[in-house]
């Protein structure tokens, strides 16, 4: 289906009605402000992000693509995460816990619900891919979403 197909148009319209760009920007900026201050995640992100303004703009584009289907993001999150040393399931759980906490404070709870569901899928996928990049011969362990702190 192309961009002009009625189903694609309807899905994009529904996604655009979910939230505004300003709401996505607020969620992303508030969340990563918490990440940067977090005792577990802060050192990892602050070591690997050279320019937070550029990184935040990419993350807003990413979440706009996820939540509003804008298609603005281009990049390879899997490649970027696979290159990081020492990631663990606990770190992914911490990331998700902070994301859920931040989402719960957003005025637009319909957006927050969709964002959390997407974050869970994304974290799970990144964790599986990360493990496979480290040892492709070993079956990766699922990220147990019931075990978040």
Protein backbone atom coordinates (compact mmCIF):
# COMPACT_ATOMS: atom_id res chain seq x y z
CA UNK A 1 0.00 0.00 0.00
CA UNK A 2 1.28 3.46 -0.82
CA UNK A 3 0.89 6.70 1.08
CA UNK A 4 -2.25 7.60 -0.88
CA UNK A 5 -4.11 4.38 -0.13
CA UNK A 6 -7.26 5.11 1.92
CA UNK A 7 -6.25 2.69 4.71
CA UNK A 8 -2.83 4.30 5.07
CA UNK A 9 -4.37 7.76 5.11
CA UNK A 10 -6.92 6.68 7.76
CA UNK A 11 -4.22 5.15 9.97
CA UNK A 12 -2.10 8.29 9.73
CA UNK A 13 -5.08 10.48 10.55
CA UNK A 14 -5.92 8.34 13.59
CA UNK A 15 -2.30 8.43 14.76
CA UNK A 16 -2.14 12.21 14.29
CA UNK A 17 -5.29 12.57 16.41
CA UNK A 18 -3.64 10.65 19.27
CA UNK A 19 -1.29 13.45 20.27
CA UNK A 20 0.48 16.61 19.20
CA UNK A 21 4.14 17.10 18.41
CA UNK A 22 4.34 19.28 21.53
CA UNK A 23 3.08 16.41 23.69
CA UNK A 24 5.67 14.05 22.20
CA UNK A 25 8.41 16.62 22.73
CA UNK A 26 7.37 17.07 26.36
CA UNK A 27 7.37 13.31 27.00
CA UNK A 28 10.76 12.77 25.36
CA UNK A 29 12.45 15.73 27.05
CA UNK A 30 11.03 14.94 30.49
CA UNK A 31 11.95 11.28 30.17
CA UNK A 32 15.53 11.84 29.07
CA UNK A 33 16.02 14.51 31.74
CA UNK A 34 15.22 11.73 34.24
CA UNK A 35 17.46 9.24 32.41
CA UNK A 36 20.40 11.65 32.55
CA UNK A 37 19.98 11.97 36.32
CA UNK A 38 19.42 8.27 36.97
CA UNK A 39 22.19 6.48 38.90
CA UNK A 40 22.08 3.42 36.60
CA UNK A 41 21.26 4.88 33.20
CA UNK A 42 22.75 8.34 33.44
CA UNK A 43 26.40 7.27 33.23
CA UNK A 44 25.71 5.12 30.15
CA UNK A 45 23.79 7.77 28.25
CA UNK A 46 26.03 10.64 29.32
CA UNK A 47 29.11 8.71 28.18
CA UNK A 48 27.72 7.83 24.76
CA UNK A 49 25.67 10.92 23.82
CA UNK A 50 27.95 13.67 22.56
CA UNK A 51 25.33 16.34 21.90
CA UNK A 52 22.07 16.10 23.83
CA UNK A 53 20.27 18.68 21.69
CA UNK A 54 20.90 16.64 18.53
CA UNK A 55 20.08 13.37 20.31
CA UNK A 56 16.81 14.72 21.72
CA UNK A 57 15.77 15.99 18.28
CA UNK A 58 16.37 12.49 16.86
CA UNK A 59 14.40 10.93 19.70
CA UNK A 60 11.47 13.31 19.14
CA UNK A 61 11.53 12.32 15.45
CA UNK A 62 11.64 8.65 16.46
CA UNK A 63 8.66 8.92 18.82
CA UNK A 64 6.76 11.07 16.32
CA UNK A 65 7.24 8.27 13.78
CA UNK A 66 6.09 5.67 16.31
CA UNK A 67 3.09 7.52 17.75
CA UNK A 68 1.96 9.77 14.88
CA UNK A 69 3.34 7.73 11.96
CA UNK A 70 5.08 10.79 10.55
CA UNK A 71 7.98 8.83 9.06
CA UNK A 72 10.41 11.54 10.16
CA UNK A 73 12.91 9.20 11.79
CA UNK A 74 15.66 7.54 9.85
CA UNK A 75 18.32 5.58 11.60
CA UNK A 76 19.23 2.25 13.09
CA UNK A 77 18.56 2.03 16.83
CA UNK A 78 19.55 -1.65 16.84
CA UNK A 79 23.02 -0.90 15.46
CA UNK A 80 23.56 1.89 17.98
CA UNK A 81 22.49 -0.22 20.95
CA UNK A 82 24.37 -3.33 19.82
CA UNK A 83 27.59 -1.33 19.91
CA UNK A 84 27.21 -0.50 23.62
CA UNK A 85 29.18 -2.64 26.06
CA UNK A 86 27.68 -4.30 29.12
CA UNK A 87 23.95 -3.81 28.68
CA UNK A 88 21.78 -6.05 30.86
CA UNK A 89 18.12 -6.94 31.19
CA UNK A 90 18.09 -4.93 34.44
CA UNK A 91 19.14 -1.79 32.55
CA UNK A 92 16.33 -2.31 30.03
CA UNK A 93 13.90 -2.80 32.93
CA UNK A 94 15.14 0.42 34.53
CA UNK A 95 14.70 2.29 31.23
CA UNK A 96 11.14 0.99 30.97
CA UNK A 97 10.33 1.82 34.59
CA UNK A 98 11.47 5.43 34.10
CA UNK A 99 9.56 5.62 30.84
CA UNK A 100 6.37 4.37 32.49
CA UNK A 101 6.80 6.76 35.43
CA UNK A 102 7.27 9.70 33.07
CA UNK A 103 4.38 8.66 30.83
CA UNK A 104 2.08 8.40 33.85
CA UNK A 105 2.58 12.12 34.53
CA UNK A 106 1.54 13.22 31.04
CA UNK A 107 -1.79 15.02 30.66
CA UNK A 108 -2.59 12.98 27.52
CA UNK A 109 -3.02 9.50 28.94
CA UNK A 110 -4.16 8.03 25.63
CA UNK A 111 -0.76 8.97 24.21
CA UNK A 112 0.97 7.72 27.35
CA UNK A 113 -0.70 4.31 27.08
CA UNK A 114 0.32 3.94 23.43
CA UNK A 115 3.83 5.19 24.17
CA UNK A 116 4.34 2.69 27.01
CA UNK A 117 3.10 -0.20 24.87
CA UNK A 118 5.47 0.83 22.09
CA UNK A 119 8.35 1.29 24.55
CA UNK A 120 7.84 -2.24 25.84
CA UNK A 121 7.94 -3.67 22.31
CA UNK A 122 10.99 -1.59 21.43
CA UNK A 123 12.89 -2.49 24.61
CA UNK A 124 12.12 -6.17 24.10
CA UNK A 125 13.29 -6.06 20.49
CA UNK A 126 16.47 -4.16 21.35
CA UNK A 127 17.27 -6.58 24.17
CA UNK A 128 16.83 -9.63 21.92
CA UNK A 129 18.91 -8.01 19.19
CA UNK A 130 21.58 -6.99 21.66
CA UNK A 131 21.97 -10.55 22.91
CA UNK A 132 22.09 -11.95 19.37
CA UNK A 133 24.78 -9.42 18.43
CA UNK A 134 26.89 -10.65 21.35
CA UNK A 135 26.41 -14.39 20.82
CA UNK A 136 24.50 -15.36 17.68
CA UNK A 137 24.72 -19.07 18.53
CA UNK A 138 22.82 -18.76 21.80
CA UNK A 139 19.06 -18.36 21.98
CA UNK A 140 18.36 -14.93 23.49
CA UNK A 141 16.36 -14.59 26.70
CA UNK A 142 13.13 -12.62 26.53
CA UNK A 143 12.83 -9.41 28.48
CA UNK A 144 10.41 -10.31 31.27
CA UNK A 145 8.11 -7.30 31.33
CA UNK A 146 6.56 -8.54 34.56
CA UNK A 147 9.88 -8.16 36.38
CA UNK A 148 10.26 -4.40 36.16
CA UNK A 149 11.30 -2.68 39.38
